[in-house]
Amino acid sequence: MKQDKPTHVTLLQVAKHAGVSRSTASLALRGGRYVSAETREKVFESMRELGYVYDRSAASLRSKSSSSVGLVFADLDNPFYTALLIGINEQLNKYNITPLLGTTFESCAIQERLISTMLEYRVGGIILFAVPDTPKDLINRIKQVGIPVVLINRNFPERSFDYIGIDDLAAGQIATEHLIEKGHRQIAFIGGFSKLSSWRERKQGYINAHTKAGLDIDHTLIIEGAATRESGYELMEKILNFQTPPTAVFCYNDIVAIGAMMKLKERGLEPGYDMAILGVDDIPEASIFTPKLTTVSSFPMLRGARAASLLYQRMEGLTNEPPQSIIIQPELIIRESCSYKDEIHP
């Protein structure tokens, strides 16, 4: 026997089932403060019993607003992204905004698909950790839609959207100066790729610190690689095979630094005693790894919160200023991985 096709449950049916008006049911659904907790629970109970599904896209079309935003990140393997997400989510929760998360794995094709899908679902805005070499036509398409976008860590040359980052040049210089002050003269810079503006700026800070101290740059000690734990492990293997290995290593980020320290320990060497290691970001793992990692904090949770706050202001029309570039100053966090030998073993 042929079954009848299930019918779509409307909000009016939910309202009648709960014994309230349609407008009251709508307010309850949207968290309206003038609806009592008892009435809201009656509406939700009717929704559950009837199998009502809220059509958020249609609601966005009617109200010309959205209670969701898109988050487009490179990946989630690095705890740096997790810290960013915590900052973003904590702030969005204050505004009752729901994030829709997608990861690009540094692929322009995946990034374009994610953003296209989010635009189809009419998100109210996007927080974007852009893929290097993002095509201009995608940037122009987002502009034409007219929704606000906040970039994190990677800016576009056109400076056409709000941007929140850190002073990467300062991060590179602070890190390298600390190692020089510790007495190191052979300092490697490993991890990250030159196509990233953050890598180029951190490298320039590394160079500036050498120049300021009157030290020559050994370009064989500047080694590119993925910004991953595995890459740090492999790059340290390469460094240890040099005829004269460096005495210190400045790593593109903390994950690379932790991978490098894992290789040192595997070789029976002690990070901070046999070789100084310094990273960037100050992820939670940096303070619990043994030895604890000296790093330059990039304040990921703070940046995530600032990005979410700025996006909300744009979505609500609370600011009409031109695109802002908010640059947060990094801070050196001194721990155990950069000590002198006689400081650990007098």
Protein backbone atom coordinates (compact mmCIF):
# COMPACT_ATOMS: atom_id res chain seq x y z
CA MET A 1 0.00 0.00 0.00
CA LYS A 2 1.38 3.40 -0.97
CA GLN A 3 2.14 5.60 2.02
CA ASP A 4 1.12 9.23 2.07
CA LYS A 5 4.01 11.63 1.68
CA PRO A 6 4.73 13.33 5.04
CA THR A 7 3.44 16.87 5.14
CA HIS A 8 5.50 19.86 6.21
CA VAL A 9 4.56 21.03 9.71
CA THR A 10 4.01 24.78 9.87
CA LEU A 11 4.60 27.19 12.71
CA LEU A 12 0.88 27.94 12.77
CA GLN A 13 0.17 24.27 13.48
CA VAL A 14 2.72 24.35 16.31
CA ALA A 15 1.05 27.46 17.73
CA LYS A 16 -2.41 25.88 17.67
CA HIS A 17 -1.07 22.68 19.27
CA ALA A 18 0.57 24.74 22.05
CA GLY A 19 -2.50 26.94 22.49
CA VAL A 20 -0.75 30.19 21.66
CA SER A 21 -0.77 32.68 18.79
CA ARG A 22 1.59 32.29 15.85
CA SER A 23 3.45 35.47 16.83
CA THR A 24 4.00 34.12 20.35
CA ALA A 25 5.31 30.83 18.95
CA SER A 26 7.67 32.78 16.68
CA LEU A 27 8.96 34.87 19.60
CA ALA A 28 9.49 31.73 21.68
CA LEU A 29 11.44 30.14 18.86
CA ARG A 30 13.67 33.19 18.45
CA GLY A 31 14.32 33.59 22.17
CA GLY A 32 12.14 36.66 22.65
CA ARG A 33 12.46 38.01 26.18
CA TYR A 34 8.73 38.79 26.52
CA VAL A 35 7.78 35.12 26.38
CA SER A 36 7.61 33.30 29.72
CA ALA A 37 9.68 30.19 30.34
CA GLU A 38 6.47 28.15 30.72
CA THR A 39 5.07 29.30 27.36
CA ARG A 40 8.42 28.75 25.63
CA GLU A 41 8.56 25.18 26.95
CA LYS A 42 4.99 24.51 25.73
CA VAL A 43 5.97 25.70 22.24
CA PHE A 44 9.12 23.56 22.21
CA GLU A 45 7.16 20.53 23.41
CA SER A 46 4.68 20.99 20.55
CA MET A 47 7.57 21.32 18.09
CA ARG A 48 9.01 18.02 19.31
CA GLU A 49 5.66 16.22 19.19
CA LEU A 50 4.78 17.48 15.70
CA GLY A 51 8.29 17.15 14.26
CA TYR A 52 8.57 20.83 13.35
CA VAL A 53 11.86 21.90 11.71
CA TYR A 54 12.69 25.59 11.67
CA ASP A 55 13.36 26.87 8.12
CA ARG A 56 16.15 29.27 8.94
CA SER A 57 16.87 30.18 5.31
CA ALA A 58 13.29 31.26 4.75
CA ALA A 59 13.33 33.21 8.01
CA SER A 60 16.48 35.00 6.91
CA LEU A 61 14.84 35.94 3.62
CA ARG A 62 11.81 37.34 5.42
CA SER A 63 13.74 39.33 7.99
CA LYS A 64 16.70 40.20 5.74
CA SER A 65 18.95 39.14 8.61
CA SER A 66 20.64 35.94 9.78
CA SER A 67 21.45 34.39 13.14
CA SER A 68 24.34 32.35 11.72
CA VAL A 69 27.84 33.15 10.51
CA GLY A 70 30.35 31.15 8.51
CA LEU A 71 33.76 30.22 9.89
CA VAL A 72 36.28 29.15 7.24
CA PHE A 73 39.53 27.79 8.70
CA ALA A 74 42.61 26.11 7.25
CA ASP A 75 42.36 23.02 9.49
CA LEU A 76 41.68 22.00 13.07
CA ASP A 77 44.72 19.84 13.77
CA ASN A 78 46.72 22.75 15.15
CA PRO A 79 45.58 23.76 18.68
CA PHE A 80 46.08 27.37 17.54
CA TYR A 81 42.86 27.07 15.53
CA THR A 82 41.08 25.51 18.50
CA ALA A 83 42.04 28.50 20.65
CA LEU A 84 40.78 30.87 17.93
CA LEU A 85 37.49 28.96 17.78
CA ILE A 86 37.04 29.14 21.55
CA GLY A 87 37.44 32.92 21.44
CA ILE A 88 35.04 33.22 18.49
CA ASN A 89 32.38 30.91 19.95
CA GLU A 90 32.41 32.48 23.41
CA GLN A 91 31.75 35.86 21.83
CA LEU A 92 29.13 34.64 19.34
CA ASN A 93 27.23 32.93 22.14
CA LYS A 94 26.76 36.33 23.76
CA TYR A 95 24.93 37.44 20.63
CA ASN A 96 22.94 34.18 20.18
CA ILE A 97 24.66 33.64 16.83
CA THR A 98 25.33 30.13 15.53
CA PRO A 99 28.63 29.41 13.72
CA LEU A 100 28.82 27.15 10.66
CA LEU A 101 32.36 25.75 10.44
CA GLY A 102 34.27 24.52 7.41
CA THR A 103 37.94 23.66 6.85
CA THR A 104 39.82 24.29 3.61
CA PHE A 105 43.02 22.27 4.17
CA GLU A 106 44.68 25.16 2.30
CA SER A 107 42.77 24.32 -0.90
CA CYS A 108 41.38 27.21 -2.98
CA ALA A 109 38.78 24.85 -4.51
CA ILE A 110 37.48 23.73 -1.12
CA GLN A 111 37.49 27.31 0.16
CA GLU A 112 35.39 28.44 -2.81
CA ARG A 113 32.90 25.60 -2.29
CA LEU A 114 32.57 26.32 1.42
CA ILE A 115 32.03 30.04 0.93
CA SER A 116 29.55 29.46 -1.92
CA THR A 117 27.54 27.08 0.26
CA MET A 118 27.56 29.51 3.18
CA LEU A 119 26.36 32.31 0.91
CA GLU A 120 23.57 30.04 -0.36
CA TYR A 121 22.48 29.50 3.25
CA ARG A 122 22.54 33.28 3.68
CA VAL A 123 24.92 33.52 6.61
CA GLY A 124 25.04 36.99 8.11
CA GLY A 125 28.81 37.24 7.83
CA ILE A 126 32.02 35.23 7.49
CA ILE A 127 35.20 34.94 9.56
CA LEU A 128 37.83 33.80 7.10
CA PHE A 129 41.30 32.31 7.55
CA ALA A 130 42.06 32.72 3.86
CA VAL A 131 43.94 30.26 1.68
CA PRO A 132 47.14 31.76 0.18
CA ASP A 133 46.58 33.08 -3.36
CA THR A 134 42.80 33.30 -2.93
CA PRO A 135 41.52 34.28 -6.41
CA LYS A 136 40.27 37.83 -6.88
CA ASP A 137 36.99 36.70 -8.42
CA LEU A 138 36.01 35.00 -5.15
CA ILE A 139 36.88 38.17 -3.23
CA ASN A 140 34.78 40.22 -5.65
CA ARG A 141 31.86 37.78 -5.36
CA ILE A 142 31.82 38.15 -1.57
CA LYS A 143 31.91 41.94 -1.97
CA GLN A 144 28.95 41.86 -4.35
CA VAL A 145 26.84 39.88 -1.87
CA GLY A 146 27.47 42.67 0.61
CA ILE A 147 27.83 40.65 3.81
CA PRO A 148 30.58 41.58 6.30
CA VAL A 149 33.81 39.57 6.35
CA VAL A 150 36.55 39.57 8.97
CA LEU A 151 39.92 38.10 7.99
CA ILE A 152 42.19 36.46 10.57
CA ASN A 153 45.96 36.10 10.23
CA ARG A 154 46.03 36.46 6.44
CA ASN A 155 45.05 39.72 4.80
CA PHE A 156 44.31 40.46 1.15
CA PRO A 157 46.49 43.03 -0.67
CA GLU A 158 43.36 45.04 -1.50
CA ARG A 159 42.69 45.59 2.24
CA SER A 160 39.01 45.32 1.33
CA PHE A 161 37.79 43.61 4.53
CA ASP A 162 38.30 43.97 8.25
CA TYR A 163 41.47 42.19 9.40
CA ILE A 164 42.75 41.01 12.78
CA GLY A 165 46.32 39.77 13.13
CA ILE A 166 49.50 40.15 15.12
CA ASP A 167 52.68 42.05 14.35
CA ASP A 168 54.53 39.11 12.82
CA LEU A 169 57.66 41.14 12.18
CA ALA A 170 57.81 42.01 15.88
CA ALA A 171 57.20 38.34 16.77
CA GLY A 172 60.19 37.24 14.69
CA GLN A 173 62.42 39.96 16.10
CA ILE A 174 61.41 39.41 19.74
CA ALA A 175 62.02 35.68 19.43
CA THR A 176 65.42 35.99 17.74
CA GLU A 177 66.63 38.77 20.05
CA HIS A 178 65.85 36.57 23.04
CA LEU A 179 67.98 33.77 21.62
CA ILE A 180 70.82 36.20 20.83
CA GLU A 181 70.64 37.60 24.36
CA LYS A 182 71.03 34.04 25.60
CA GLY A 183 74.36 33.91 23.77
CA HIS A 184 73.35 32.00 20.65
CA ARG A 185 75.02 32.94 17.37
CA GLN A 186 73.93 30.04 15.13
CA ILE A 187 70.13 30.27 15.06
CA ALA A 188 67.93 28.37 12.62
CA PHE A 189 64.48 29.46 11.46
CA ILE A 190 62.36 26.45 10.50
CA GLY A 191 58.79 25.67 9.38
CA GLY A 192 56.20 27.60 7.44
CA PHE A 193 56.27 28.56 3.76
CA SER A 194 57.44 31.77 2.09
CA LYS A 195 54.08 32.14 0.32
CA LEU A 196 52.62 33.13 3.71
CA SER A 197 52.88 36.80 4.66
CA SER A 198 53.27 35.77 8.32
CA TRP A 199 56.32 33.66 7.40
CA ARG A 200 57.89 36.49 5.40
CA GLU A 201 57.37 38.98 8.22
CA ARG A 202 58.67 36.62 10.92
CA LYS A 203 61.70 35.93 8.73
CA GLN A 204 62.27 39.67 8.37
CA GLY A 205 62.13 40.03 12.15
CA TYR A 206 64.69 37.20 12.40
CA ILE A 207 66.93 39.08 9.95
CA ASN A 208 66.44 42.41 11.72
CA ALA A 209 67.53 40.92 15.05
CA HIS A 210 70.72 39.54 13.47
CA THR A 211 71.46 42.86 11.78
CA LYS A 212 70.88 44.78 15.00
CA ALA A 213 73.34 42.49 16.81
CA GLY A 214 75.92 42.70 14.00
CA LEU A 215 75.58 39.01 13.14
CA ASP A 216 75.77 37.45 9.69
CA ILE A 217 72.81 35.46 8.34
CA ASP A 218 73.47 31.82 7.48
CA HIS A 219 70.74 31.21 4.88
CA THR A 220 71.22 27.44 5.04
CA LEU A 221 69.63 27.67 8.50
CA ILE A 222 66.38 29.09 7.07
CA ILE A 223 64.38 25.99 6.12
CA GLU A 224 60.79 26.00 4.89
CA GLY A 225 58.31 23.25 5.67
CA ALA A 226 54.73 22.56 6.64
CA ALA A 227 53.57 24.20 9.87
CA THR A 228 52.91 20.83 11.51
CA ARG A 229 54.30 18.68 14.31
CA GLU A 230 55.48 16.11 11.77
CA SER A 231 57.31 18.80 9.82
CA GLY A 232 59.08 20.07 12.94
CA TYR A 233 60.18 16.50 13.69
CA GLU A 234 61.55 16.02 10.16
CA LEU A 235 63.22 19.44 9.94
CA MET A 236 65.01 18.85 13.24
CA GLU A 237 66.30 15.54 11.86
CA LYS A 238 67.75 17.49 8.94
CA ILE A 239 69.34 20.08 11.24
CA LEU A 240 70.94 17.45 13.47
CA ASN A 241 72.63 15.96 10.40
CA PHE A 242 74.44 19.24 9.66
CA GLN A 243 78.18 19.08 10.18
CA THR A 244 77.83 21.89 12.73
CA PRO A 245 74.21 22.06 13.96
CA PRO A 246 72.89 25.40 15.26
CA THR A 247 72.67 25.94 19.01
CA ALA A 248 69.16 27.40 18.82
CA VAL A 249 66.06 27.09 16.64
CA PHE A 250 63.31 29.66 16.14
CA CYS A 251 60.23 27.77 14.90
CA TYR A 252 57.45 29.25 12.79
CA ASN A 253 54.88 28.15 15.36
CA ASP A 254 54.52 26.10 18.54
CA ILE A 255 53.44 22.92 16.77
CA VAL A 256 56.63 22.92 14.69
CA ALA A 257 58.60 23.60 17.89
CA ILE A 258 57.00 20.67 19.72
CA GLY A 259 57.75 18.34 16.80
CA ALA A 260 61.37 19.56 16.83
CA MET A 261 61.67 18.91 20.58
CA MET A 262 60.23 15.41 20.13
CA LYS A 263 63.03 14.61 17.66
CA LEU A 264 65.68 16.02 20.01
CA LYS A 265 64.40 13.83 22.85
CA GLU A 266 64.31 10.80 20.56
CA ARG A 267 68.01 11.41 19.84
CA GLY A 268 68.74 11.51 23.57
CA LEU A 269 69.17 15.30 23.57
CA GLU A 270 67.50 17.71 25.98
CA PRO A 271 65.67 20.76 24.57
CA GLY A 272 66.85 23.86 26.40
CA TYR A 273 70.08 22.15 27.44
CA ASP A 274 71.55 20.73 24.22
CA MET A 275 69.64 23.08 21.90
CA ALA A 276 67.35 26.06 22.55
CA ILE A 277 63.87 25.92 21.00
CA LEU A 278 61.43 28.83 20.67
CA GLY A 279 57.98 28.95 19.03
CA VAL A 280 55.12 31.31 18.27
CA ASP A 281 51.44 31.26 19.40
CA ASP A 282 51.46 30.04 23.03
CA ILE A 283 49.04 27.18 22.50
CA PRO A 284 47.96 25.31 25.67
CA GLU A 285 50.36 22.44 24.93
CA ALA A 286 53.31 24.86 25.15
CA SER A 287 52.91 25.18 28.92
CA ILE A 288 52.57 21.45 29.66
CA PHE A 289 55.14 19.89 27.30
CA THR A 290 58.44 18.87 28.90
CA PRO A 291 60.36 21.09 28.89
CA LYS A 292 57.82 23.90 28.85
CA LEU A 293 58.14 25.85 25.62
CA THR A 294 59.39 29.43 25.45
CA THR A 295 57.19 31.13 22.88
CA VAL A 296 55.87 34.41 21.53
CA SER A 297 52.17 34.64 22.32
CA SER A 298 49.92 35.58 19.41
CA PHE A 299 46.83 35.71 21.68
CA PRO A 300 44.60 33.44 19.53
CA MET A 301 41.61 33.47 21.91
CA LEU A 302 41.68 37.26 22.14
CA ARG A 303 41.90 37.59 18.36
CA GLY A 304 38.99 35.19 17.91
CA ALA A 305 36.85 37.20 20.32
CA ARG A 306 37.79 40.49 18.64
CA ALA A 307 36.95 39.05 15.21
CA ALA A 308 33.52 37.86 16.37
CA SER A 309 32.78 41.19 18.06
CA LEU A 310 33.74 43.20 14.97
CA LEU A 311 31.70 40.93 12.69
CA TYR A 312 28.64 41.37 14.92
CA GLN A 313 29.03 45.16 14.83
CA ARG A 314 29.10 45.04 11.03
CA MET A 315 26.11 42.69 10.85
CA GLU A 316 24.05 44.94 13.10
CA GLY A 317 25.11 48.15 11.38
CA LEU A 318 26.71 49.46 14.58
CA THR A 319 29.75 50.73 12.66
CA ASN A 320 30.11 52.16 9.16
CA GLU A 321 33.84 52.84 9.33
CA PRO A 322 36.10 51.74 6.45
CA PRO A 323 37.70 48.27 6.81
CA GLN A 324 39.87 48.13 9.92
CA SER A 325 43.24 46.44 10.40
CA ILE A 326 43.61 45.51 14.07
CA ILE A 327 47.17 44.49 14.84
CA ILE A 328 47.83 42.94 18.26
CA GLN A 329 51.33 43.17 19.67
CA PRO A 330 52.92 39.79 20.52
CA GLU A 331 54.46 39.01 23.89
CA LEU A 332 57.46 36.84 24.79
CA ILE A 333 56.58 34.05 27.24
CA ILE A 334 59.80 32.74 28.84
CA ARG A 335 59.76 29.13 29.99
CA GLU A 336 62.34 26.31 30.01
CA SER A 337 63.21 25.46 26.40
CA CYS A 338 65.73 28.29 25.94
CA SER A 339 67.86 28.01 29.09
CA TYR A 340 71.63 27.94 29.22
CA LYS A 341 73.22 24.62 29.97
CA ASP A 342 74.61 25.93 33.28
CA GLU A 343 71.17 27.35 34.17
CA ILE A 344 69.67 23.86 34.09
CA HIS A 345 72.73 21.85 35.16
CA PRO A 346 75.03 24.10 37.23
